[in-house]
Amino acid sequence: MNILHTVKNIIIIVVALGLAFLLLGFIKNKEVQKENEVDSSIPEVTETKSDFKLTSLKGVEIVINNPIENQLVTSPLTISGKAPGNWFFEASAPVTITNWDGLIIGESYIQAKGDWMTTDYVDFEGTLSFTNTEYGDYGFLILKKDNPSGEYQFDDSVEFRVNFK
């Protein structure tokens, strides 16, 4: 009889602990939901026209001042930012704009605005004219590392989406 009483007490304790853990989990879940409700009431920050950073295929960070990602662009487009000096050759690097399908609709160069024979960041600027096709309302701006050798292992680039009128 004593063993049955002990087993009964153990079962009651295990059930009580299980219920306690379930209750604590429920309370914790409610707290997390409440925190999320508070966070969602904060207005969403929309990206304003300011610098943003892109990481190239080889891990090089490029800073873009203009245009920003998903910005509405028209031709001619002024492009500016900062890139390591070794992205340039003879102070320039190629830039391309494509439509949504990858069709090149404009090509030009960005020009380093300082000493480009360095690994430090150098300001750049360039103007790109393009023919906007009537088919598709977005495309991609591609900034490429200048690679006069033509050897693919030295290629690198960043790209981001832009919108057309």
C-alpha atoms as a PDB file:
ATOM      1  CA  MET A   1       0.000   0.000   0.000  1.00  0.00           C
ATOM      2  CA  ASN A   2       2.861   2.337   0.813  1.00  0.00           C
ATOM      3  CA  ILE A   3       4.361   1.817  -2.670  1.00  0.00           C
ATOM      4  CA  LEU A   4       1.053   2.727  -4.355  1.00  0.00           C
ATOM      5  CA  HIS A   5       0.863   5.874  -2.285  1.00  0.00           C
ATOM      6  CA  THR A   6       4.451   6.838  -3.268  1.00  0.00           C
ATOM      7  CA  VAL A   7       3.793   6.133  -6.970  1.00  0.00           C
ATOM      8  CA  LYS A   8       0.603   8.219  -6.771  1.00  0.00           C
ATOM      9  CA  ASN A   9       2.532  11.132  -5.215  1.00  0.00           C
ATOM     10  CA  ILE A  10       5.262  10.886  -7.867  1.00  0.00           C
ATOM     11  CA  ILE A  11       2.665  10.934 -10.644  1.00  0.00           C
ATOM     12  CA  ILE A  12       0.983  13.976  -9.084  1.00  0.00           C
ATOM     13  CA  ILE A  13       4.343  15.788  -8.837  1.00  0.00           C
ATOM     14  CA  VAL A  14       5.271  14.956 -12.460  1.00  0.00           C
ATOM     15  CA  VAL A  15       1.871  16.137 -13.737  1.00  0.00           C
ATOM     16  CA  ALA A  16       2.124  19.313 -11.625  1.00  0.00           C
ATOM     17  CA  LEU A  17       5.622  20.046 -12.978  1.00  0.00           C
ATOM     18  CA  GLY A  18       4.418  19.413 -16.537  1.00  0.00           C
ATOM     19  CA  LEU A  19       1.505  21.810 -16.062  1.00  0.00           C
ATOM     20  CA  ALA A  20       3.846  24.390 -14.515  1.00  0.00           C
ATOM     21  CA  PHE A  21       6.195  24.192 -17.518  1.00  0.00           C
ATOM     22  CA  LEU A  22       3.267  24.487 -19.931  1.00  0.00           C
ATOM     23  CA  LEU A  23       1.960  27.503 -18.040  1.00  0.00           C
ATOM     24  CA  LEU A  24       5.393  29.173 -18.013  1.00  0.00           C
ATOM     25  CA  GLY A  25       5.765  28.500 -21.750  1.00  0.00           C
ATOM     26  CA  PHE A  26       2.342  30.006 -22.410  1.00  0.00           C
ATOM     27  CA  ILE A  27       3.186  33.115 -20.350  1.00  0.00           C
ATOM     28  CA  LYS A  28       6.548  33.512 -22.106  1.00  0.00           C
ATOM     29  CA  ASN A  29       4.858  33.153 -25.515  1.00  0.00           C
ATOM     30  CA  LYS A  30       2.357  35.881 -24.593  1.00  0.00           C
ATOM     31  CA  GLU A  31       5.216  38.183 -23.524  1.00  0.00           C
ATOM     32  CA  VAL A  32       6.995  37.646 -26.858  1.00  0.00           C
ATOM     33  CA  GLN A  33       3.755  38.327 -28.753  1.00  0.00           C
ATOM     34  CA  LYS A  34       3.236  41.509 -26.729  1.00  0.00           C
ATOM     35  CA  GLU A  35       6.805  42.669 -27.502  1.00  0.00           C
ATOM     36  CA  ASN A  36       6.223  42.002 -31.201  1.00  0.00           C
ATOM     37  CA  GLU A  37       2.989  43.988 -31.097  1.00  0.00           C
ATOM     38  CA  VAL A  38       4.842  46.925 -29.594  1.00  0.00           C
ATOM     39  CA  ASP A  39       7.621  46.627 -32.205  1.00  0.00           C
ATOM     40  CA  SER A  40       5.125  46.470 -35.078  1.00  0.00           C
ATOM     41  CA  SER A  41       3.510  49.699 -33.909  1.00  0.00           C
ATOM     42  CA  ILE A  42       6.742  51.552 -34.622  1.00  0.00           C
ATOM     43  CA  PRO A  43       6.458  53.040 -38.110  1.00  0.00           C
ATOM     44  CA  GLU A  44       8.522  51.218 -40.702  1.00  0.00           C
ATOM     45  CA  VAL A  45      11.641  53.113 -41.665  1.00  0.00           C
ATOM     46  CA  THR A  46      11.696  53.848 -45.360  1.00  0.00           C
ATOM     47  CA  GLU A  47      15.054  54.169 -47.034  1.00  0.00           C
ATOM     48  CA  THR A  48      15.912  57.741 -47.801  1.00  0.00           C
ATOM     49  CA  LYS A  49      18.416  58.952 -50.305  1.00  0.00           C
ATOM     50  CA  SER A  50      21.673  58.227 -48.508  1.00  0.00           C
ATOM     51  CA  ASP A  51      24.698  55.975 -48.723  1.00  0.00           C
ATOM     52  CA  PHE A  52      24.294  52.252 -48.774  1.00  0.00           C
ATOM     53  CA  LYS A  53      26.883  49.510 -48.907  1.00  0.00           C
ATOM     54  CA  LEU A  54      27.098  46.524 -51.210  1.00  0.00           C
ATOM     55  CA  THR A  55      29.434  43.592 -50.901  1.00  0.00           C
ATOM     56  CA  SER A  56      30.941  42.316 -54.141  1.00  0.00           C
ATOM     57  CA  LEU A  57      31.175  38.717 -55.221  1.00  0.00           C
ATOM     58  CA  LYS A  58      34.679  38.606 -53.720  1.00  0.00           C
ATOM     59  CA  GLY A  59      33.768  40.324 -50.456  1.00  0.00           C
ATOM     60  CA  VAL A  60      34.798  43.889 -51.320  1.00  0.00           C
ATOM     61  CA  GLU A  61      32.543  46.564 -49.853  1.00  0.00           C
ATOM     62  CA  ILE A  62      31.415  49.316 -52.246  1.00  0.00           C
ATOM     63  CA  VAL A  63      29.615  52.420 -50.944  1.00  0.00           C
ATOM     64  CA  ILE A  64      26.921  53.859 -53.224  1.00  0.00           C
ATOM     65  CA  ASN A  65      25.718  57.444 -52.711  1.00  0.00           C
ATOM     66  CA  ASN A  66      23.536  57.682 -55.819  1.00  0.00           C
ATOM     67  CA  PRO A  67      21.321  56.067 -56.922  1.00  0.00           C
ATOM     68  CA  ILE A  68      20.071  54.056 -53.980  1.00  0.00           C
ATOM     69  CA  GLU A  69      18.612  50.598 -54.354  1.00  0.00           C
ATOM     70  CA  ASN A  70      15.098  50.525 -55.888  1.00  0.00           C
ATOM     71  CA  GLN A  71      15.273  54.245 -56.688  1.00  0.00           C
ATOM     72  CA  LEU A  72      13.335  55.523 -59.689  1.00  0.00           C
ATOM     73  CA  VAL A  73      15.985  56.499 -62.265  1.00  0.00           C
ATOM     74  CA  THR A  74      15.964  58.304 -65.596  1.00  0.00           C
ATOM     75  CA  SER A  75      18.577  58.827 -68.264  1.00  0.00           C
ATOM     76  CA  PRO A  76      21.137  60.310 -67.944  1.00  0.00           C
ATOM     77  CA  LEU A  77      21.852  58.821 -64.529  1.00  0.00           C
ATOM     78  CA  THR A  78      24.544  60.216 -62.226  1.00  0.00           C
ATOM     79  CA  ILE A  79      26.316  57.499 -60.248  1.00  0.00           C
ATOM     80  CA  SER A  80      28.489  58.255 -57.230  1.00  0.00           C
ATOM     81  CA  GLY A  81      30.074  56.508 -54.292  1.00  0.00           C
ATOM     82  CA  LYS A  82      33.342  55.065 -52.981  1.00  0.00           C
ATOM     83  CA  ALA A  83      35.337  52.005 -54.000  1.00  0.00           C
ATOM     84  CA  PRO A  84      38.846  50.738 -53.295  1.00  0.00           C
ATOM     85  CA  GLY A  85      41.388  52.327 -55.617  1.00  0.00           C
ATOM     86  CA  ASN A  86      42.354  48.933 -56.996  1.00  0.00           C
ATOM     87  CA  TRP A  87      38.881  48.666 -58.586  1.00  0.00           C
ATOM     88  CA  PHE A  88      39.993  51.292 -61.094  1.00  0.00           C
ATOM     89  CA  PHE A  89      42.434  51.158 -63.995  1.00  0.00           C
ATOM     90  CA  GLU A  90      43.616  54.488 -65.336  1.00  0.00           C
ATOM     91  CA  ALA A  91      41.135  56.027 -62.868  1.00  0.00           C
ATOM     92  CA  SER A  92      38.017  54.441 -64.409  1.00  0.00           C
ATOM     93  CA  ALA A  93      35.838  51.361 -64.034  1.00  0.00           C
ATOM     94  CA  PRO A  94      32.952  50.099 -66.191  1.00  0.00           C
ATOM     95  CA  VAL A  95      29.289  50.439 -65.270  1.00  0.00           C
ATOM     96  CA  THR A  96      26.344  48.791 -67.023  1.00  0.00           C
ATOM     97  CA  ILE A  97      22.582  49.046 -66.722  1.00  0.00           C
ATOM     98  CA  THR A  98      20.290  46.232 -67.806  1.00  0.00           C
ATOM     99  CA  ASN A  99      16.565  45.789 -68.065  1.00  0.00           C
ATOM    100  CA  TRP A 100      14.743  43.213 -65.921  1.00  0.00           C
ATOM    101  CA  ASP A 101      15.738  40.446 -68.330  1.00  0.00           C
ATOM    102  CA  GLY A 102      19.471  41.222 -68.350  1.00  0.00           C
ATOM    103  CA  LEU A 103      19.476  43.034 -71.713  1.00  0.00           C
ATOM    104  CA  ILE A 104      22.141  45.767 -71.602  1.00  0.00           C
ATOM    105  CA  ILE A 105      20.448  49.121 -72.206  1.00  0.00           C
ATOM    106  CA  GLY A 106      23.417  51.359 -71.343  1.00  0.00           C
ATOM    107  CA  GLU A 107      27.161  51.239 -70.667  1.00  0.00           C
ATOM    108  CA  SER A 108      29.635  53.809 -69.433  1.00  0.00           C
ATOM    109  CA  TYR A 109      32.419  54.372 -66.906  1.00  0.00           C
ATOM    110  CA  ILE A 110      32.751  55.766 -63.425  1.00  0.00           C
ATOM    111  CA  GLN A 111      35.786  57.975 -62.797  1.00  0.00           C
ATOM    112  CA  ALA A 112      37.889  58.029 -59.626  1.00  0.00           C
ATOM    113  CA  LYS A 113      37.963  61.528 -58.154  1.00  0.00           C
ATOM    114  CA  GLY A 114      41.263  61.080 -56.371  1.00  0.00           C
ATOM    115  CA  ASP A 115      44.443  59.047 -56.353  1.00  0.00           C
ATOM    116  CA  TRP A 116      43.247  55.654 -57.589  1.00  0.00           C
ATOM    117  CA  MET A 117      46.634  53.932 -57.152  1.00  0.00           C
ATOM    118  CA  THR A 118      45.818  52.860 -53.598  1.00  0.00           C
ATOM    119  CA  THR A 119      43.890  50.188 -51.765  1.00  0.00           C
ATOM    120  CA  ASP A 120      42.092  52.910 -49.756  1.00  0.00           C
ATOM    121  CA  TYR A 121      38.610  54.030 -50.708  1.00  0.00           C
ATOM    122  CA  VAL A 122      38.368  56.567 -53.508  1.00  0.00           C
ATOM    123  CA  ASP A 123      35.333  58.682 -54.369  1.00  0.00           C
ATOM    124  CA  PHE A 124      33.921  58.090 -57.833  1.00  0.00           C
ATOM    125  CA  GLU A 125      31.350  59.637 -60.087  1.00  0.00           C
ATOM    126  CA  GLY A 126      30.012  58.957 -63.547  1.00  0.00           C
ATOM    127  CA  THR A 127      27.112  59.555 -65.877  1.00  0.00           C
ATOM    128  CA  LEU A 128      25.288  56.754 -67.624  1.00  0.00           C
ATOM    129  CA  SER A 129      22.880  57.284 -70.505  1.00  0.00           C
ATOM    130  CA  PHE A 130      20.502  54.474 -71.295  1.00  0.00           C
ATOM    131  CA  THR A 131      17.556  53.640 -73.472  1.00  0.00           C
ATOM    132  CA  ASN A 132      14.659  52.571 -71.338  1.00  0.00           C
ATOM    133  CA  THR A 133      12.663  49.857 -72.999  1.00  0.00           C
ATOM    134  CA  GLU A 134       8.898  49.995 -72.714  1.00  0.00           C
ATOM    135  CA  TYR A 135       8.942  46.375 -71.583  1.00  0.00           C
ATOM    136  CA  GLY A 136       9.585  46.110 -67.852  1.00  0.00           C
ATOM    137  CA  ASP A 137       9.721  48.741 -65.158  1.00  0.00           C
ATOM    138  CA  TYR A 138      12.958  47.785 -63.433  1.00  0.00           C
ATOM    139  CA  GLY A 139      16.520  46.798 -64.161  1.00  0.00           C
ATOM    140  CA  PHE A 140      19.916  46.400 -62.558  1.00  0.00           C
ATOM    141  CA  LEU A 141      22.878  48.740 -62.209  1.00  0.00           C
ATOM    142  CA  ILE A 142      26.157  46.811 -62.326  1.00  0.00           C
ATOM    143  CA  LEU A 143      29.451  48.335 -61.221  1.00  0.00           C
ATOM    144  CA  LYS A 144      32.426  46.251 -62.301  1.00  0.00           C
ATOM    145  CA  LYS A 145      36.024  46.180 -61.177  1.00  0.00           C
ATOM    146  CA  ASP A 146      38.127  47.233 -64.155  1.00  0.00           C
ATOM    147  CA  ASN A 147      40.093  44.206 -65.314  1.00  0.00           C
ATOM    148  CA  PRO A 148      42.355  45.112 -68.238  1.00  0.00           C
ATOM    149  CA  SER A 149      43.955  41.646 -68.153  1.00  0.00           C
ATOM    150  CA  GLY A 150      40.665  40.010 -69.093  1.00  0.00           C
ATOM    151  CA  GLU A 151      41.449  37.086 -66.777  1.00  0.00           C
ATOM    152  CA  TYR A 152      38.231  35.992 -65.076  1.00  0.00           C
ATOM    153  CA  GLN A 153      39.853  35.406 -61.664  1.00  0.00           C
ATOM    154  CA  PHE A 154      40.351  39.186 -61.393  1.00  0.00           C
ATOM    155  CA  ASP A 155      36.703  40.024 -62.218  1.00  0.00           C
ATOM    156  CA  ASP A 156      34.476  41.409 -59.488  1.00  0.00           C
ATOM    157  CA  SER A 157      31.237  43.379 -59.416  1.00  0.00           C
ATOM    158  CA  VAL A 158      28.271  44.634 -57.431  1.00  0.00           C
ATOM    159  CA  GLU A 159      24.759  45.050 -58.691  1.00  0.00           C
ATOM    160  CA  PHE A 160      21.472  46.337 -57.401  1.00  0.00           C
ATOM    161  CA  ARG A 161      17.962  46.934 -58.616  1.00  0.00           C
ATOM    162  CA  VAL A 162      16.739  50.286 -59.929  1.00  0.00           C
ATOM    163  CA  ASN A 163      13.270  51.236 -61.167  1.00  0.00           C
ATOM    164  CA  PHE A 164      12.311  52.963 -64.408  1.00  0.00           C
ATOM    165  CA  LYS A 165       9.402  55.290 -65.178  1.00  0.00           C
END
